[in-house]
Amino acid sequence: MLDTKQQFEHVIGICRSLFAKKLKDYGASWRILRPQSVTDQILIKAKRIRSIEEKGVSLIDEGIMPEFIAIVNYGIIGLIQLELGFSDTVDLNEEQVLTLYDKHMTQTKELMFAKNHDYDEAWRSMRVSSYTDLILTKIYRTKQIEENNGHTIVSEGVDANYMDMINYSLFGLIKLEYPDTKD
């Protein structure tokens, strides 16, 4: 049985591998996306997961795992866009993008390990559908913060919400990848 850290590294590796392959196919074409557009892309993915969970069937021959992977990768894109701002051109090469991916994934993972310590792995007792609902909640919070031009009174910002969406997706991926993990 792999421990939590190994399970996270495994599913992060799956996400990063797909991200790197798409980067070779498309370059950093996503650099033109404004953060609000990234949030909307994550919304589409989360709504598809919820639809599949509710209907119990998918007409497209893909389950919810690819959608959780997409949320992870769009979340990282969102963090990069928040850091650099969007661009009118593809202004980053593959090496620069993967360095930024790793930087933001490391920060997100460190946040998760700190929270995981404090919450004593409570996520393991949750249902995958709860991760979906929490991601959707974080999306709507993010959209509200974006509507407020990034200003909050007492709440965390868009970056913290992206990190939480990434981590909830990683939880979902672990639960799907290791279904025999005891709660």
C-alpha atoms as a PDB file:
ATOM      1  CA  MET A   1       0.000   0.000   0.000  1.00  0.00           C
ATOM      2  CA  LEU A   2       1.394   3.350  -0.997  1.00  0.00           C
ATOM      3  CA  ASP A   3       1.349   6.093   1.584  1.00  0.00           C
ATOM      4  CA  THR A   4      -0.369   9.432   1.036  1.00  0.00           C
ATOM      5  CA  LYS A   5       2.732  11.203  -0.253  1.00  0.00           C
ATOM      6  CA  GLN A   6       3.430   8.431  -2.781  1.00  0.00           C
ATOM      7  CA  GLN A   7      -0.202   8.432  -3.922  1.00  0.00           C
ATOM      8  CA  PHE A   8      -0.117  12.194  -4.430  1.00  0.00           C
ATOM      9  CA  GLU A   9       3.154  12.021  -6.341  1.00  0.00           C
ATOM     10  CA  HIS A  10       1.695   9.288  -8.537  1.00  0.00           C
ATOM     11  CA  VAL A  11      -1.463  11.187  -9.521  1.00  0.00           C
ATOM     12  CA  ILE A  12       0.480  14.452  -9.900  1.00  0.00           C
ATOM     13  CA  GLY A  13       2.789  12.562 -12.272  1.00  0.00           C
ATOM     14  CA  ILE A  14      -0.221  11.505 -14.349  1.00  0.00           C
ATOM     15  CA  CYS A  15      -1.428  15.119 -14.536  1.00  0.00           C
ATOM     16  CA  ARG A  16       1.997  16.552 -15.356  1.00  0.00           C
ATOM     17  CA  SER A  17       2.636  13.921 -18.039  1.00  0.00           C
ATOM     18  CA  LEU A  18      -0.596  14.797 -19.853  1.00  0.00           C
ATOM     19  CA  PHE A  19       0.122  18.513 -19.440  1.00  0.00           C
ATOM     20  CA  ALA A  20       3.596  18.066 -20.987  1.00  0.00           C
ATOM     21  CA  LYS A  21       2.191  16.069 -23.914  1.00  0.00           C
ATOM     22  CA  LYS A  22      -0.454  18.707 -24.627  1.00  0.00           C
ATOM     23  CA  LEU A  23       2.231  21.369 -24.332  1.00  0.00           C
ATOM     24  CA  LYS A  24       4.135  19.606 -27.136  1.00  0.00           C
ATOM     25  CA  ASP A  25       0.967  19.429 -29.255  1.00  0.00           C
ATOM     26  CA  TYR A  26      -0.353  22.960 -28.668  1.00  0.00           C
ATOM     27  CA  GLY A  27       2.444  24.973 -27.121  1.00  0.00           C
ATOM     28  CA  ALA A  28       1.410  27.436 -24.430  1.00  0.00           C
ATOM     29  CA  SER A  29      -1.604  28.585 -26.476  1.00  0.00           C
ATOM     30  CA  TRP A  30      -3.512  28.966 -23.190  1.00  0.00           C
ATOM     31  CA  ARG A  31      -1.381  32.039 -22.404  1.00  0.00           C
ATOM     32  CA  ILE A  32      -4.075  34.156 -24.107  1.00  0.00           C
ATOM     33  CA  LEU A  33      -6.691  33.058 -21.551  1.00  0.00           C
ATOM     34  CA  ARG A  34      -7.689  35.618 -18.975  1.00  0.00           C
ATOM     35  CA  PRO A  35      -8.100  34.149 -15.471  1.00  0.00           C
ATOM     36  CA  GLN A  36     -11.894  34.372 -15.782  1.00  0.00           C
ATOM     37  CA  SER A  37     -11.738  32.134 -18.851  1.00  0.00           C
ATOM     38  CA  VAL A  38      -9.622  29.619 -16.963  1.00  0.00           C
ATOM     39  CA  THR A  39     -12.235  29.600 -14.182  1.00  0.00           C
ATOM     40  CA  ASP A  40     -14.946  28.956 -16.775  1.00  0.00           C
ATOM     41  CA  GLN A  41     -12.953  26.046 -18.238  1.00  0.00           C
ATOM     42  CA  ILE A  42     -12.726  24.510 -14.773  1.00  0.00           C
ATOM     43  CA  LEU A  43     -16.481  25.065 -14.369  1.00  0.00           C
ATOM     44  CA  ILE A  44     -17.162  23.101 -17.556  1.00  0.00           C
ATOM     45  CA  LYS A  45     -15.032  20.191 -16.330  1.00  0.00           C
ATOM     46  CA  ALA A  46     -16.608  20.144 -12.852  1.00  0.00           C
ATOM     47  CA  LYS A  47     -20.142  20.324 -14.273  1.00  0.00           C
ATOM     48  CA  ARG A  48     -19.362  17.357 -16.527  1.00  0.00           C
ATOM     49  CA  ILE A  49     -18.133  15.358 -13.537  1.00  0.00           C
ATOM     50  CA  ARG A  50     -21.306  16.186 -11.615  1.00  0.00           C
ATOM     51  CA  SER A  51     -23.462  15.306 -14.629  1.00  0.00           C
ATOM     52  CA  ILE A  52     -21.801  11.893 -14.937  1.00  0.00           C
ATOM     53  CA  GLU A  53     -22.133  11.324 -11.185  1.00  0.00           C
ATOM     54  CA  GLU A  54     -25.842  12.209 -11.286  1.00  0.00           C
ATOM     55  CA  LYS A  55     -26.742  10.366 -14.502  1.00  0.00           C
ATOM     56  CA  GLY A  56     -24.474   7.398 -13.856  1.00  0.00           C
ATOM     57  CA  VAL A  57     -23.498   7.264 -17.514  1.00  0.00           C
ATOM     58  CA  SER A  58     -21.396   9.196 -20.001  1.00  0.00           C
ATOM     59  CA  LEU A  59     -22.165   9.344 -23.726  1.00  0.00           C
ATOM     60  CA  ILE A  60     -18.566  10.308 -24.432  1.00  0.00           C
ATOM     61  CA  ASP A  61     -16.223   7.391 -23.833  1.00  0.00           C
ATOM     62  CA  GLU A  62     -14.369   9.066 -20.971  1.00  0.00           C
ATOM     63  CA  GLY A  63     -15.097   8.908 -17.283  1.00  0.00           C
ATOM     64  CA  ILE A  64     -14.528  11.481 -14.593  1.00  0.00           C
ATOM     65  CA  MET A  65     -10.821  10.818 -14.162  1.00  0.00           C
ATOM     66  CA  PRO A  66      -9.801  12.845 -17.251  1.00  0.00           C
ATOM     67  CA  GLU A  67     -11.943  15.718 -15.995  1.00  0.00           C
ATOM     68  CA  PHE A  68     -10.231  15.750 -12.595  1.00  0.00           C
ATOM     69  CA  ILE A  69      -6.878  15.733 -14.435  1.00  0.00           C
ATOM     70  CA  ALA A  70      -8.077  18.683 -16.526  1.00  0.00           C
ATOM     71  CA  ILE A  71      -9.120  20.594 -13.391  1.00  0.00           C
ATOM     72  CA  VAL A  72      -5.659  20.042 -11.910  1.00  0.00           C
ATOM     73  CA  ASN A  73      -3.979  21.268 -15.075  1.00  0.00           C
ATOM     74  CA  TYR A  74      -6.308  24.229 -15.630  1.00  0.00           C
ATOM     75  CA  GLY A  75      -5.808  25.127 -11.962  1.00  0.00           C
ATOM     76  CA  ILE A  76      -2.056  25.272 -12.536  1.00  0.00           C
ATOM     77  CA  ILE A  77      -2.647  27.323 -15.696  1.00  0.00           C
ATOM     78  CA  GLY A  78      -4.789  29.674 -13.616  1.00  0.00           C
ATOM     79  CA  LEU A  79      -2.015  30.106 -11.059  1.00  0.00           C
ATOM     80  CA  ILE A  80       0.492  30.812 -13.832  1.00  0.00           C
ATOM     81  CA  GLN A  81      -1.861  33.353 -15.405  1.00  0.00           C
ATOM     82  CA  LEU A  82      -2.366  35.070 -12.041  1.00  0.00           C
ATOM     83  CA  GLU A  83       1.398  35.271 -11.594  1.00  0.00           C
ATOM     84  CA  LEU A  84       2.313  36.451 -15.093  1.00  0.00           C
ATOM     85  CA  GLY A  85      -0.895  37.985 -16.390  1.00  0.00           C
ATOM     86  CA  PHE A  86      -2.370  36.850 -19.684  1.00  0.00           C
ATOM     87  CA  SER A  87      -0.598  37.493 -22.970  1.00  0.00           C
ATOM     88  CA  ASP A  88      -1.693  38.262 -26.511  1.00  0.00           C
ATOM     89  CA  THR A  89       0.937  35.860 -27.798  1.00  0.00           C
ATOM     90  CA  VAL A  90       2.465  32.527 -26.879  1.00  0.00           C
ATOM     91  CA  ASP A  91       5.395  33.959 -24.967  1.00  0.00           C
ATOM     92  CA  LEU A  92       6.711  30.956 -23.027  1.00  0.00           C
ATOM     93  CA  ASN A  93       8.657  27.964 -24.249  1.00  0.00           C
ATOM     94  CA  GLU A  94       8.180  24.401 -23.025  1.00  0.00           C
ATOM     95  CA  GLU A  95      10.971  24.543 -20.446  1.00  0.00           C
ATOM     96  CA  GLN A  96       9.662  27.806 -18.955  1.00  0.00           C
ATOM     97  CA  VAL A  97       6.132  26.439 -18.738  1.00  0.00           C
ATOM     98  CA  LEU A  98       7.156  23.186 -17.062  1.00  0.00           C
ATOM     99  CA  THR A  99       9.291  25.112 -14.561  1.00  0.00           C
ATOM    100  CA  LEU A 100       6.243  27.241 -13.707  1.00  0.00           C
ATOM    101  CA  TYR A 101       4.042  24.125 -13.550  1.00  0.00           C
ATOM    102  CA  ASP A 102       6.411  22.494 -11.072  1.00  0.00           C
ATOM    103  CA  LYS A 103       6.707  25.669  -8.986  1.00  0.00           C
ATOM    104  CA  HIS A 104       2.945  26.064  -8.608  1.00  0.00           C
ATOM    105  CA  MET A 105       2.346  22.350  -8.098  1.00  0.00           C
ATOM    106  CA  THR A 106       4.962  22.309  -5.337  1.00  0.00           C
ATOM    107  CA  GLN A 107       3.282  25.257  -3.575  1.00  0.00           C
ATOM    108  CA  THR A 108      -0.127  23.616  -3.936  1.00  0.00           C
ATOM    109  CA  LYS A 109       1.161  20.270  -2.702  1.00  0.00           C
ATOM    110  CA  GLU A 110       2.841  21.890   0.321  1.00  0.00           C
ATOM    111  CA  LEU A 111      -0.472  23.561   1.196  1.00  0.00           C
ATOM    112  CA  MET A 112      -2.231  20.207   0.927  1.00  0.00           C
ATOM    113  CA  PHE A 113       0.327  18.448   3.144  1.00  0.00           C
ATOM    114  CA  ALA A 114      -0.024  21.172   5.798  1.00  0.00           C
ATOM    115  CA  LYS A 115      -3.832  20.961   5.707  1.00  0.00           C
ATOM    116  CA  ASN A 116      -3.692  17.168   5.590  1.00  0.00           C
ATOM    117  CA  HIS A 117      -1.642  17.184   8.785  1.00  0.00           C
ATOM    118  CA  ASP A 118      -4.108  19.471  10.549  1.00  0.00           C
ATOM    119  CA  TYR A 119      -7.221  17.668   9.287  1.00  0.00           C
ATOM    120  CA  ASP A 120      -5.710  14.193   9.814  1.00  0.00           C
ATOM    121  CA  GLU A 121      -6.547  12.945   6.310  1.00  0.00           C
ATOM    122  CA  ALA A 122     -10.279  13.590   6.700  1.00  0.00           C
ATOM    123  CA  TRP A 123     -10.540  13.659   2.892  1.00  0.00           C
ATOM    124  CA  ARG A 124     -10.140   9.886   2.833  1.00  0.00           C
ATOM    125  CA  SER A 125     -13.551   9.530   4.524  1.00  0.00           C
ATOM    126  CA  MET A 126     -15.267  11.732   1.968  1.00  0.00           C
ATOM    127  CA  ARG A 127     -17.107  10.637  -1.160  1.00  0.00           C
ATOM    128  CA  VAL A 128     -15.722  11.595  -4.565  1.00  0.00           C
ATOM    129  CA  SER A 129     -19.005  13.402  -5.247  1.00  0.00           C
ATOM    130  CA  SER A 130     -18.265  15.679  -2.280  1.00  0.00           C
ATOM    131  CA  TYR A 131     -15.001  16.738  -3.926  1.00  0.00           C
ATOM    132  CA  THR A 132     -17.017  17.637  -7.014  1.00  0.00           C
ATOM    133  CA  ASP A 133     -19.427  19.737  -4.970  1.00  0.00           C
ATOM    134  CA  LEU A 134     -16.573  21.463  -3.145  1.00  0.00           C
ATOM    135  CA  ILE A 135     -14.833  22.230  -6.447  1.00  0.00           C
ATOM    136  CA  LEU A 136     -18.052  23.739  -7.793  1.00  0.00           C
ATOM    137  CA  THR A 137     -18.384  25.812  -4.613  1.00  0.00           C
ATOM    138  CA  LYS A 138     -14.796  27.057  -5.024  1.00  0.00           C
ATOM    139  CA  ILE A 139     -15.527  27.924  -8.667  1.00  0.00           C
ATOM    140  CA  TYR A 140     -18.531  30.035  -7.745  1.00  0.00           C
ATOM    141  CA  ARG A 141     -16.534  31.720  -4.992  1.00  0.00           C
ATOM    142  CA  THR A 142     -13.796  32.443  -7.508  1.00  0.00           C
ATOM    143  CA  LYS A 143     -16.279  33.856  -9.999  1.00  0.00           C
ATOM    144  CA  GLN A 144     -17.616  36.179  -7.294  1.00  0.00           C
ATOM    145  CA  ILE A 145     -14.108  37.324  -6.382  1.00  0.00           C
ATOM    146  CA  GLU A 146     -13.429  37.934 -10.087  1.00  0.00           C
ATOM    147  CA  GLU A 147     -16.644  39.975 -10.302  1.00  0.00           C
ATOM    148  CA  ASN A 148     -15.296  42.008  -7.352  1.00  0.00           C
ATOM    149  CA  ASN A 149     -12.079  42.678  -9.330  1.00  0.00           C
ATOM    150  CA  GLY A 150     -10.120  40.374  -7.051  1.00  0.00           C
ATOM    151  CA  HIS A 151     -11.048  42.195  -3.854  1.00  0.00           C
ATOM    152  CA  THR A 152     -12.117  40.299  -0.761  1.00  0.00           C
ATOM    153  CA  ILE A 153     -12.913  41.517   2.732  1.00  0.00           C
ATOM    154  CA  VAL A 154     -11.999  38.474   4.834  1.00  0.00           C
ATOM    155  CA  SER A 155     -11.693  35.636   2.326  1.00  0.00           C
ATOM    156  CA  GLU A 156      -8.770  34.054   0.542  1.00  0.00           C
ATOM    157  CA  GLY A 157      -8.112  35.130  -3.021  1.00  0.00           C
ATOM    158  CA  VAL A 158      -8.447  33.462  -6.370  1.00  0.00           C
ATOM    159  CA  ASP A 159      -5.071  31.749  -6.038  1.00  0.00           C
ATOM    160  CA  ALA A 160      -6.091  29.943  -2.828  1.00  0.00           C
ATOM    161  CA  ASN A 161      -9.315  28.804  -4.483  1.00  0.00           C
ATOM    162  CA  TYR A 162      -7.406  27.441  -7.498  1.00  0.00           C
ATOM    163  CA  MET A 163      -5.111  25.545  -5.119  1.00  0.00           C
ATOM    164  CA  ASP A 164      -8.083  24.069  -3.283  1.00  0.00           C
ATOM    165  CA  MET A 165      -9.678  22.998  -6.595  1.00  0.00           C
ATOM    166  CA  ILE A 166      -6.414  21.309  -7.572  1.00  0.00           C
ATOM    167  CA  ASN A 167      -6.154  19.515  -4.241  1.00  0.00           C
ATOM    168  CA  TYR A 168      -9.788  18.339  -4.255  1.00  0.00           C
ATOM    169  CA  SER A 169      -9.185  16.994  -7.767  1.00  0.00           C
ATOM    170  CA  LEU A 170      -6.048  15.200  -6.590  1.00  0.00           C
ATOM    171  CA  PHE A 171      -8.083  13.667  -3.747  1.00  0.00           C
ATOM    172  CA  GLY A 172     -10.605  12.457  -6.321  1.00  0.00           C
ATOM    173  CA  LEU A 173      -7.872  11.028  -8.521  1.00  0.00           C
ATOM    174  CA  ILE A 174      -6.369   9.138  -5.589  1.00  0.00           C
ATOM    175  CA  LYS A 175      -9.754   7.707  -4.608  1.00  0.00           C
ATOM    176  CA  LEU A 176     -10.360   6.623  -8.220  1.00  0.00           C
ATOM    177  CA  GLU A 177      -6.834   5.335  -8.799  1.00  0.00           C
ATOM    178  CA  TYR A 178      -6.721   3.443  -5.473  1.00  0.00           C
ATOM    179  CA  PRO A 179     -10.346   2.346  -4.923  1.00  0.00           C
ATOM    180  CA  ASP A 180      -9.324  -0.220  -2.320  1.00  0.00           C
ATOM    181  CA  THR A 181      -7.949   2.533  -0.049  1.00  0.00           C
ATOM    182  CA  LYS A 182      -9.743   2.205   3.277  1.00  0.00           C
ATOM    183  CA  ASP A 183     -11.692   5.162   4.606  1.00  0.00           C
END
